C-alpha cells in the first residue's frame, strides 16, 4: 500500500491528507509506504490493524517505509501506526 502526493496539476502538487489504511493482510512486497513522490505533502495518515505475513528477499524487507526525493521537497507529518 503506497501513499503518494506528487503529480503536478496546473503547476501545483496537491497534498494527500486524512488517509486511513486499515484491515489489510499483506504478503510479499514492501509493506506500507509513503513516497517517494511527496512534493505536495502527506499528512494525517492512520495505519490501523494491518498484518504483514511474509518476509521478502535481502534488502526488500516489509514494514513501514517513508521515502522522499530531496530535490522535490514536500513534507510528511502526523503519521500514526496502531496495532
PDB file of N, CA and C in Angstrom:
ATOM      1  N   UNK A   1       0.865  -1.153   0.000  1.00  0.00           N
ATOM      2  CA  UNK A   1       0.000   0.000   0.000  1.00  0.00           C
ATOM      3  C   UNK A   1       0.918   1.224   0.000  1.00  0.00           C
ATOM      4  N   UNK A   2       0.810   2.052  -1.022  1.00  0.00           N
ATOM      5  CA  UNK A   2       1.671   3.232  -1.156  1.00  0.00           C
ATOM      6  C   UNK A   2       0.840   4.503  -1.216  1.00  0.00           C
ATOM      7  N   UNK A   3       1.252   5.506  -0.473  1.00  0.00           N
ATOM      8  CA  UNK A   3       0.586   6.807  -0.475  1.00  0.00           C
ATOM      9  C   UNK A   3       1.528   7.809  -1.144  1.00  0.00           C
ATOM     10  N   UNK A   4       1.022   8.514  -2.149  1.00  0.00           N
ATOM     11  CA  UNK A   4       1.818   9.476  -2.913  1.00  0.00           C
ATOM     12  C   UNK A   4       1.148  10.843  -2.902  1.00  0.00           C
ATOM     13  N   UNK A   5       1.935  11.892  -3.166  1.00  0.00           N
ATOM     14  CA  UNK A   5       1.400  13.252  -3.310  1.00  0.00           C
ATOM     15  C   UNK A   5       2.366  14.055  -4.156  1.00  0.00           C
ATOM     16  N   UNK A   6       2.414  13.781  -5.438  1.00  0.00           N
ATOM     17  CA  UNK A   6       3.412  14.490  -6.217  1.00  0.00           C
ATOM     18  C   UNK A   6       3.092  14.734  -7.664  1.00  0.00           C
ATOM     19  N   UNK A   7       1.921  14.391  -8.128  1.00  0.00           N
ATOM     20  CA  UNK A   7       1.609  14.620  -9.532  1.00  0.00           C
ATOM     21  C   UNK A   7       1.175  16.069  -9.727  1.00  0.00           C
ATOM     22  N   UNK A   8       1.852  16.754 -10.634  1.00  0.00           N
ATOM     23  CA  UNK A   8       1.551  18.163 -10.865  1.00  0.00           C
ATOM     24  C   UNK A   8       0.223  18.352 -11.578  1.00  0.00           C
ATOM     25  N   UNK A   9      -0.538  19.297 -11.089  1.00  0.00           N
ATOM     26  CA  UNK A   9      -1.768  19.740 -11.739  1.00  0.00           C
ATOM     27  C   UNK A   9      -1.717  21.261 -11.773  1.00  0.00           C
ATOM     28  N   UNK A  10      -1.711  21.825 -12.939  1.00  0.00           N
ATOM     29  CA  UNK A  10      -1.632  23.278 -13.091  1.00  0.00           C
ATOM     30  C   UNK A  10      -0.432  23.834 -12.329  1.00  0.00           C
ATOM     31  N   UNK A  11       0.712  23.184 -12.480  1.00  0.00           N
ATOM     32  CA  UNK A  11       1.976  23.588 -11.840  1.00  0.00           C
ATOM     33  C   UNK A  11       1.951  23.538 -10.314  1.00  0.00           C
ATOM     34  N   UNK A  12       1.010  22.809  -9.733  1.00  0.00           N
ATOM     35  CA  UNK A  12       0.961  22.630  -8.283  1.00  0.00           C
ATOM     36  C   UNK A  12       0.794  21.145  -7.982  1.00  0.00           C
ATOM     37  N   UNK A  13       1.414  20.714  -6.915  1.00  0.00           N
ATOM     38  CA  UNK A  13       1.255  19.341  -6.453  1.00  0.00           C
ATOM     39  C   UNK A  13       0.277  19.347  -5.290  1.00  0.00           C
ATOM     40  N   UNK A  14      -0.900  18.757  -5.446  1.00  0.00           N
ATOM     41  CA  UNK A  14      -1.871  18.766  -4.343  1.00  0.00           C
ATOM     42  C   UNK A  14      -1.411  17.860  -3.205  1.00  0.00           C
ATOM     43  N   UNK A  15      -1.734  18.221  -1.967  1.00  0.00           N
ATOM     44  CA  UNK A  15      -1.362  17.372  -0.829  1.00  0.00           C
ATOM     45  C   UNK A  15      -2.267  16.148  -0.728  1.00  0.00           C
ATOM     46  N   UNK A  16      -1.781  15.149  -0.025  1.00  0.00           N
ATOM     47  CA  UNK A  16      -2.590  13.992   0.348  1.00  0.00           C
ATOM     48  C   UNK A  16      -2.813  14.092   1.846  1.00  0.00           C
ATOM     49  N   UNK A  17      -4.091  14.108   2.259  1.00  0.00           N
ATOM     50  CA  UNK A  17      -4.422  14.311   3.668  1.00  0.00           C
ATOM     51  C   UNK A  17      -5.558  13.379   4.093  1.00  0.00           C
ATOM     52  N   UNK A  18      -5.615  13.127   5.388  1.00  0.00           N
ATOM     53  CA  UNK A  18      -6.726  12.393   6.001  1.00  0.00           C
ATOM     54  C   UNK A  18      -6.956  11.024   5.357  1.00  0.00           C
ATOM     55  N   UNK A  19      -5.929  10.191   5.416  1.00  0.00           N
ATOM     56  CA  UNK A  19      -5.981   8.847   4.831  1.00  0.00           C
ATOM     57  C   UNK A  19      -5.967   7.819   5.954  1.00  0.00           C
ATOM     58  N   UNK A  20      -6.834   6.807   5.855  1.00  0.00           N
ATOM     59  CA  UNK A  20      -6.807   5.672   6.777  1.00  0.00           C
ATOM     60  C   UNK A  20      -6.591   4.408   5.965  1.00  0.00           C
ATOM     61  N   UNK A  21      -5.580   3.627   6.354  1.00  0.00           N
ATOM     62  CA  UNK A  21      -5.283   2.338   5.727  1.00  0.00           C
ATOM     63  C   UNK A  21      -5.514   1.311   6.823  1.00  0.00           C
ATOM     64  N   UNK A  22      -6.554   0.474   6.661  1.00  0.00           N
ATOM     65  CA  UNK A  22      -6.903  -0.425   7.758  1.00  0.00           C
ATOM     66  C   UNK A  22      -7.310  -1.809   7.277  1.00  0.00           C
ATOM     67  N   UNK A  23      -7.138  -2.775   8.162  1.00  0.00           N
ATOM     68  CA  UNK A  23      -7.607  -4.151   7.985  1.00  0.00           C
ATOM     69  C   UNK A  23      -7.077  -4.807   6.712  1.00  0.00           C
ATOM     70  N   UNK A  24      -5.772  -4.692   6.465  1.00  0.00           N
ATOM     71  CA  UNK A  24      -5.140  -5.334   5.317  1.00  0.00           C
ATOM     72  C   UNK A  24      -4.262  -6.482   5.774  1.00  0.00           C
ATOM     73  N   UNK A  25      -4.217  -7.532   4.971  1.00  0.00           N
ATOM     74  CA  UNK A  25      -3.270  -8.623   5.167  1.00  0.00           C
ATOM     75  C   UNK A  25      -2.332  -8.573   3.972  1.00  0.00           C
ATOM     76  N   UNK A  26      -1.055  -8.253   4.234  1.00  0.00           N
ATOM     77  CA  UNK A  26      -0.087  -8.036   3.173  1.00  0.00           C
ATOM     78  C   UNK A  26       0.868  -9.206   3.094  1.00  0.00           C
ATOM     79  N   UNK A  27       1.060  -9.735   1.895  1.00  0.00           N
ATOM     80  CA  UNK A  27       2.005 -10.826   1.670  1.00  0.00           C
ATOM     81  C   UNK A  27       3.355 -10.279   1.256  1.00  0.00           C
ATOM     82  N   UNK A  28       3.960 -10.867   0.256  1.00  0.00           N
ATOM     83  CA  UNK A  28       5.283 -10.482  -0.228  1.00  0.00           C
ATOM     84  C   UNK A  28       5.257  -9.072  -0.817  1.00  0.00           C
ATOM     85  N   UNK A  29       6.282  -8.290  -0.524  1.00  0.00           N
ATOM     86  CA  UNK A  29       6.375  -6.941  -1.062  1.00  0.00           C
ATOM     87  C   UNK A  29       6.951  -5.981  -0.052  1.00  0.00           C
ATOM     88  N   UNK A  30       6.776  -4.700  -0.291  1.00  0.00           N
ATOM     89  CA  UNK A  30       7.381  -3.666   0.549  1.00  0.00           C
ATOM     90  C   UNK A  30       6.543  -3.275   1.758  1.00  0.00           C
ATOM     91  N   UNK A  31       5.317  -3.725   1.841  1.00  0.00           N
ATOM     92  CA  UNK A  31       4.507  -3.404   3.013  1.00  0.00           C
ATOM     93  C   UNK A  31       3.766  -2.099   2.866  1.00  0.00           C
ATOM     94  N   UNK A  32       3.934  -1.214   3.828  1.00  0.00           N
ATOM     95  CA  UNK A  32       3.240   0.069   3.856  1.00  0.00           C
ATOM     96  C   UNK A  32       4.262   1.168   3.559  1.00  0.00           C
ATOM     97  N   UNK A  33       3.968   2.014   2.572  1.00  0.00           N
ATOM     98  CA  UNK A  33       4.939   3.023   2.165  1.00  0.00           C
ATOM     99  C   UNK A  33       4.290   4.381   1.948  1.00  0.00           C
ATOM    100  N   UNK A  34       5.069   5.411   2.235  1.00  0.00           N
ATOM    101  CA  UNK A  34       4.726   6.776   1.865  1.00  0.00           C
ATOM    102  C   UNK A  34       5.865   7.254   0.979  1.00  0.00           C
ATOM    103  N   UNK A  35       5.550   7.722  -0.227  1.00  0.00           N
ATOM    104  CA  UNK A  35       6.555   8.233  -1.144  1.00  0.00           C
ATOM    105  C   UNK A  35       6.987   7.200  -2.168  1.00  0.00           C
ATOM    106  N   UNK A  36       7.859   7.572  -3.010  1.00  0.00           N
ATOM    107  CA  UNK A  36       8.789   8.670  -2.875  1.00  0.00           C
ATOM    108  C   UNK A  36       8.264   9.997  -3.426  1.00  0.00           C
ATOM    109  N   UNK A  37       7.155   9.999  -4.117  1.00  0.00           N
ATOM    110  CA  UNK A  37       6.567  11.247  -4.615  1.00  0.00           C
ATOM    111  C   UNK A  37       5.775  11.912  -3.489  1.00  0.00           C
ATOM    112  N   UNK A  38       6.392  12.922  -2.875  1.00  0.00           N
ATOM    113  CA  UNK A  38       5.745  13.617  -1.748  1.00  0.00           C
ATOM    114  C   UNK A  38       5.815  15.134  -1.893  1.00  0.00           C
ATOM    115  N   UNK A  39       6.036  15.638  -3.086  1.00  0.00           N
ATOM    116  CA  UNK A  39       6.239  17.084  -3.258  1.00  0.00           C
ATOM    117  C   UNK A  39       5.026  17.903  -2.840  1.00  0.00           C
ATOM    118  N   UNK A  40       3.832  17.340  -2.894  1.00  0.00           N
ATOM    119  CA  UNK A  40       2.636  18.055  -2.449  1.00  0.00           C
ATOM    120  C   UNK A  40       2.417  17.978  -0.954  1.00  0.00           C
ATOM    121  N   UNK A  41       3.115  17.071  -0.289  1.00  0.00           N
ATOM    122  CA  UNK A  41       2.977  16.889   1.149  1.00  0.00           C
ATOM    123  C   UNK A  41       1.995  15.787   1.500  1.00  0.00           C
ATOM    124  N   UNK A  42       2.293  15.053   2.561  1.00  0.00           N
ATOM    125  CA  UNK A  42       1.432  13.977   3.064  1.00  0.00           C
ATOM    126  C   UNK A  42       1.223  14.232   4.553  1.00  0.00           C
ATOM    127  N   UNK A  43      -0.038  14.244   4.993  1.00  0.00           N
ATOM    128  CA  UNK A  43      -0.296  14.466   6.415  1.00  0.00           C
ATOM    129  C   UNK A  43      -1.548  13.726   6.865  1.00  0.00           C
ATOM    130  N   UNK A  44      -1.602  13.519   8.166  1.00  0.00           N
ATOM    131  CA  UNK A  44      -2.767  12.918   8.817  1.00  0.00           C
ATOM    132  C   UNK A  44      -3.127  11.554   8.230  1.00  0.00           C
ATOM    133  N   UNK A  45      -2.174  10.630   8.355  1.00  0.00           N
ATOM    134  CA  UNK A  45      -2.354   9.256   7.872  1.00  0.00           C
ATOM    135  C   UNK A  45      -2.428   8.331   9.085  1.00  0.00           C
ATOM    136  N   UNK A  46      -3.407   7.444   9.095  1.00  0.00           N
ATOM    137  CA  UNK A  46      -3.555   6.444  10.148  1.00  0.00           C
ATOM    138  C   UNK A  46      -3.464   5.059   9.527  1.00  0.00           C
ATOM    139  N   UNK A  47      -2.491   4.268   9.996  1.00  0.00           N
ATOM    140  CA  UNK A  47      -2.400   2.850   9.645  1.00  0.00           C
ATOM    141  C   UNK A  47      -2.949   2.079  10.837  1.00  0.00           C
ATOM    142  N   UNK A  48      -3.986   1.288  10.623  1.00  0.00           N
ATOM    143  CA  UNK A  48      -4.644   0.599  11.729  1.00  0.00           C
ATOM    144  C   UNK A  48      -4.903  -0.859  11.380  1.00  0.00           C
ATOM    145  N   UNK A  49      -4.469  -1.763  12.245  1.00  0.00           N
ATOM    146  CA  UNK A  49      -4.762  -3.184  12.140  1.00  0.00           C
ATOM    147  C   UNK A  49      -4.371  -3.764  10.779  1.00  0.00           C
ATOM    148  N   UNK A  50      -3.109  -3.579  10.397  1.00  0.00           N
ATOM    149  CA  UNK A  50      -2.569  -4.157   9.166  1.00  0.00           C
ATOM    150  C   UNK A  50      -1.584  -5.256   9.539  1.00  0.00           C
ATOM    151  N   UNK A  51      -1.643  -6.375   8.836  1.00  0.00           N
ATOM    152  CA  UNK A  51      -0.810  -7.533   9.142  1.00  0.00           C
ATOM    153  C   UNK A  51       0.099  -7.839   7.963  1.00  0.00           C
ATOM    154  N   UNK A  52       1.376  -8.082   8.249  1.00  0.00           N
ATOM    155  CA  UNK A  52       2.339  -8.476   7.228  1.00  0.00           C
ATOM    156  C   UNK A  52       2.739  -9.919   7.487  1.00  0.00           C
ATOM    157  N   UNK A  53       2.547 -10.780   6.494  1.00  0.00           N
ATOM    158  CA  UNK A  53       2.670 -12.213   6.723  1.00  0.00           C
ATOM    159  C   UNK A  53       3.946 -12.860   6.209  1.00  0.00           C
ATOM    160  N   UNK A  54       4.704 -12.199   5.339  1.00  0.00           N
ATOM    161  CA  UNK A  54       5.895 -12.814   4.762  1.00  0.00           C
ATOM    162  C   UNK A  54       7.074 -11.865   4.821  1.00  0.00           C
ATOM    163  N   UNK A  55       8.256 -12.449   4.794  1.00  0.00           N
ATOM    164  CA  UNK A  55       9.482 -11.664   4.726  1.00  0.00           C
ATOM    165  C   UNK A  55       9.984 -11.725   3.295  1.00  0.00           C
ATOM    166  N   UNK A  56      10.309 -10.570   2.729  1.00  0.00           N
ATOM    167  CA  UNK A  56      10.816 -10.511   1.362  1.00  0.00           C
ATOM    168  C   UNK A  56      12.301 -10.799   1.350  1.00  0.00           C
ATOM    169  N   UNK A  57      12.892 -10.763   0.155  1.00  0.00           N
ATOM    170  CA  UNK A  57      14.312 -11.038  -0.006  1.00  0.00           C
ATOM    171  C   UNK A  57      15.202  -9.983   0.623  1.00  0.00           C
ATOM    172  N   UNK A  58      16.498 -10.201   0.544  1.00  0.00           N
ATOM    173  CA  UNK A  58      17.504  -9.315   1.131  1.00  0.00           C
ATOM    174  C   UNK A  58      17.305  -7.885   0.642  1.00  0.00           C
ATOM    175  N   UNK A  59      17.251  -6.946   1.573  1.00  0.00           N
ATOM    176  CA  UNK A  59      17.091  -5.547   1.231  1.00  0.00           C
ATOM    177  C   UNK A  59      15.673  -5.161   0.837  1.00  0.00           C
ATOM    178  N   UNK A  60      14.760  -6.082   0.866  1.00  0.00           N
ATOM    179  CA  UNK A  60      13.381  -5.818   0.462  1.00  0.00           C
ATOM    180  C   UNK A  60      12.416  -6.135   1.595  1.00  0.00           C
ATOM    181  N   UNK A  61      12.839  -5.976   2.815  1.00  0.00           N
ATOM    182  CA  UNK A  61      12.012  -6.339   3.949  1.00  0.00           C
ATOM    183  C   UNK A  61      10.728  -5.550   4.032  1.00  0.00           C
ATOM    184  N   UNK A  62       9.749  -6.161   4.607  1.00  0.00           N
ATOM    185  CA  UNK A  62       8.475  -5.473   4.780  1.00  0.00           C
ATOM    186  C   UNK A  62       8.527  -4.559   5.976  1.00  0.00           C
ATOM    187  N   UNK A  63       7.539  -3.754   6.075  1.00  0.00           N
ATOM    188  CA  UNK A  63       7.432  -2.847   7.202  1.00  0.00           C
ATOM    189  C   UNK A  63       6.881  -1.529   6.728  1.00  0.00           C
ATOM    190  N   UNK A  64       7.229  -0.482   7.435  1.00  0.00           N
ATOM    191  CA  UNK A  64       6.780   0.863   7.089  1.00  0.00           C
ATOM    192  C   UNK A  64       7.955   1.605   6.463  1.00  0.00           C
ATOM    193  N   UNK A  65       7.737   2.158   5.299  1.00  0.00           N
ATOM    194  CA  UNK A  65       8.782   2.880   4.578  1.00  0.00           C
ATOM    195  C   UNK A  65       8.320   4.307   4.313  1.00  0.00           C
ATOM    196  N   UNK A  66       9.153   5.265   4.642  1.00  0.00           N
ATOM    197  CA  UNK A  66       8.899   6.652   4.273  1.00  0.00           C
ATOM    198  C   UNK A  66      10.071   7.073   3.396  1.00  0.00           C
ATOM    199  N   UNK A  67       9.745   7.391   2.136  1.00  0.00           N
ATOM    200  CA  UNK A  67      10.779   7.712   1.152  1.00  0.00           C
ATOM    201  C   UNK A  67      10.474   9.080   0.552  1.00  0.00           C
ATOM    202  N   UNK A  68      11.523   9.904   0.399  1.00  0.00           N
ATOM    203  CA  UNK A  68      11.351  11.226  -0.207  1.00  0.00           C
ATOM    204  C   UNK A  68      12.488  11.491  -1.173  1.00  0.00           C
ATOM    205  N   UNK A  69      12.196  12.279  -2.187  1.00  0.00           N
ATOM    206  CA  UNK A  69      13.228  12.765  -3.095  1.00  0.00           C
ATOM    207  C   UNK A  69      13.593  14.171  -2.635  1.00  0.00           C
ATOM    208  N   UNK A  70      14.805  14.332  -2.170  1.00  0.00           N
ATOM    209  CA  UNK A  70      15.209  15.594  -1.554  1.00  0.00           C
ATOM    210  C   UNK A  70      15.050  16.785  -2.488  1.00  0.00           C
ATOM    211  N   UNK A  71      15.328  16.622  -3.748  1.00  0.00           N
ATOM    212  CA  UNK A  71      15.288  17.780  -4.649  1.00  0.00           C
ATOM    213  C   UNK A  71      13.876  18.276  -4.933  1.00  0.00           C
ATOM    214  N   UNK A  72      12.843  17.477  -4.630  1.00  0.00           N
ATOM    215  CA  UNK A  72      11.471  17.883  -4.893  1.00  0.00           C
ATOM    216  C   UNK A  72      10.767  18.467  -3.671  1.00  0.00           C
ATOM    217  N   UNK A  73      11.335  18.312  -2.501  1.00  0.00           N
ATOM    218  CA  UNK A  73      10.739  18.891  -1.300  1.00  0.00           C
ATOM    219  C   UNK A  73       9.485  18.157  -0.853  1.00  0.00           C
ATOM    220  N   UNK A  74       8.621  18.873  -0.165  1.00  0.00           N
ATOM    221  CA  UNK A  74       7.411  18.287   0.398  1.00  0.00           C
ATOM    222  C   UNK A  74       7.596  17.999   1.878  1.00  0.00           C
ATOM    223  N   UNK A  75       6.592  17.399   2.479  1.00  0.00           N
ATOM    224  CA  UNK A  75       6.646  17.096   3.906  1.00  0.00           C
ATOM    225  C   UNK A  75       5.859  15.813   4.178  1.00  0.00           C
ATOM    226  N   UNK A  76       6.160  15.191   5.299  1.00  0.00           N
ATOM    227  CA  UNK A  76       5.417  14.047   5.818  1.00  0.00           C
ATOM    228  C   UNK A  76       5.222  14.320   7.296  1.00  0.00           C
ATOM    229  N   UNK A  77       3.955  14.413   7.737  1.00  0.00           N
ATOM    230  CA  UNK A  77       3.711  14.722   9.149  1.00  0.00           C
ATOM    231  C   UNK A  77       2.406  14.092   9.631  1.00  0.00           C
ATOM    232  N   UNK A  78       2.326  13.914  10.943  1.00  0.00           N
ATOM    233  CA  UNK A  78       1.159  13.338  11.603  1.00  0.00           C
ATOM    234  C   UNK A  78       0.789  11.954  11.055  1.00  0.00           C
ATOM    235  N   UNK A  79       1.746  11.042  11.128  1.00  0.00           N
ATOM    236  CA  UNK A  79       1.559   9.661  10.681  1.00  0.00           C
ATOM    237  C   UNK A  79       1.459   8.779  11.923  1.00  0.00           C
ATOM    238  N   UNK A  80       0.445   7.909  11.987  1.00  0.00           N
ATOM    239  CA  UNK A  80       0.255   7.039  13.155  1.00  0.00           C
ATOM    240  C   UNK A  80       0.088   5.588  12.726  1.00  0.00           C
ATOM    241  N   UNK A  81       0.739   4.699  13.485  1.00  0.00           N
ATOM    242  CA  UNK A  81       0.562   3.258  13.305  1.00  0.00           C
ATOM    243  C   UNK A  81      -0.027   2.714  14.590  1.00  0.00           C
ATOM    244  N   UNK A  82      -1.138   2.010  14.491  1.00  0.00           N
ATOM    245  CA  UNK A  82      -1.786   1.421  15.655  1.00  0.00           C
ATOM    246  C   UNK A  82      -2.012  -0.052  15.382  1.00  0.00           C
ATOM    247  N   UNK A  83      -1.638  -0.890  16.349  1.00  0.00           N
ATOM    248  CA  UNK A  83      -1.878  -2.325  16.293  1.00  0.00           C
ATOM    249  C   UNK A  83      -1.070  -2.960  15.193  1.00  0.00           C
TER     250      UNK A  83
END
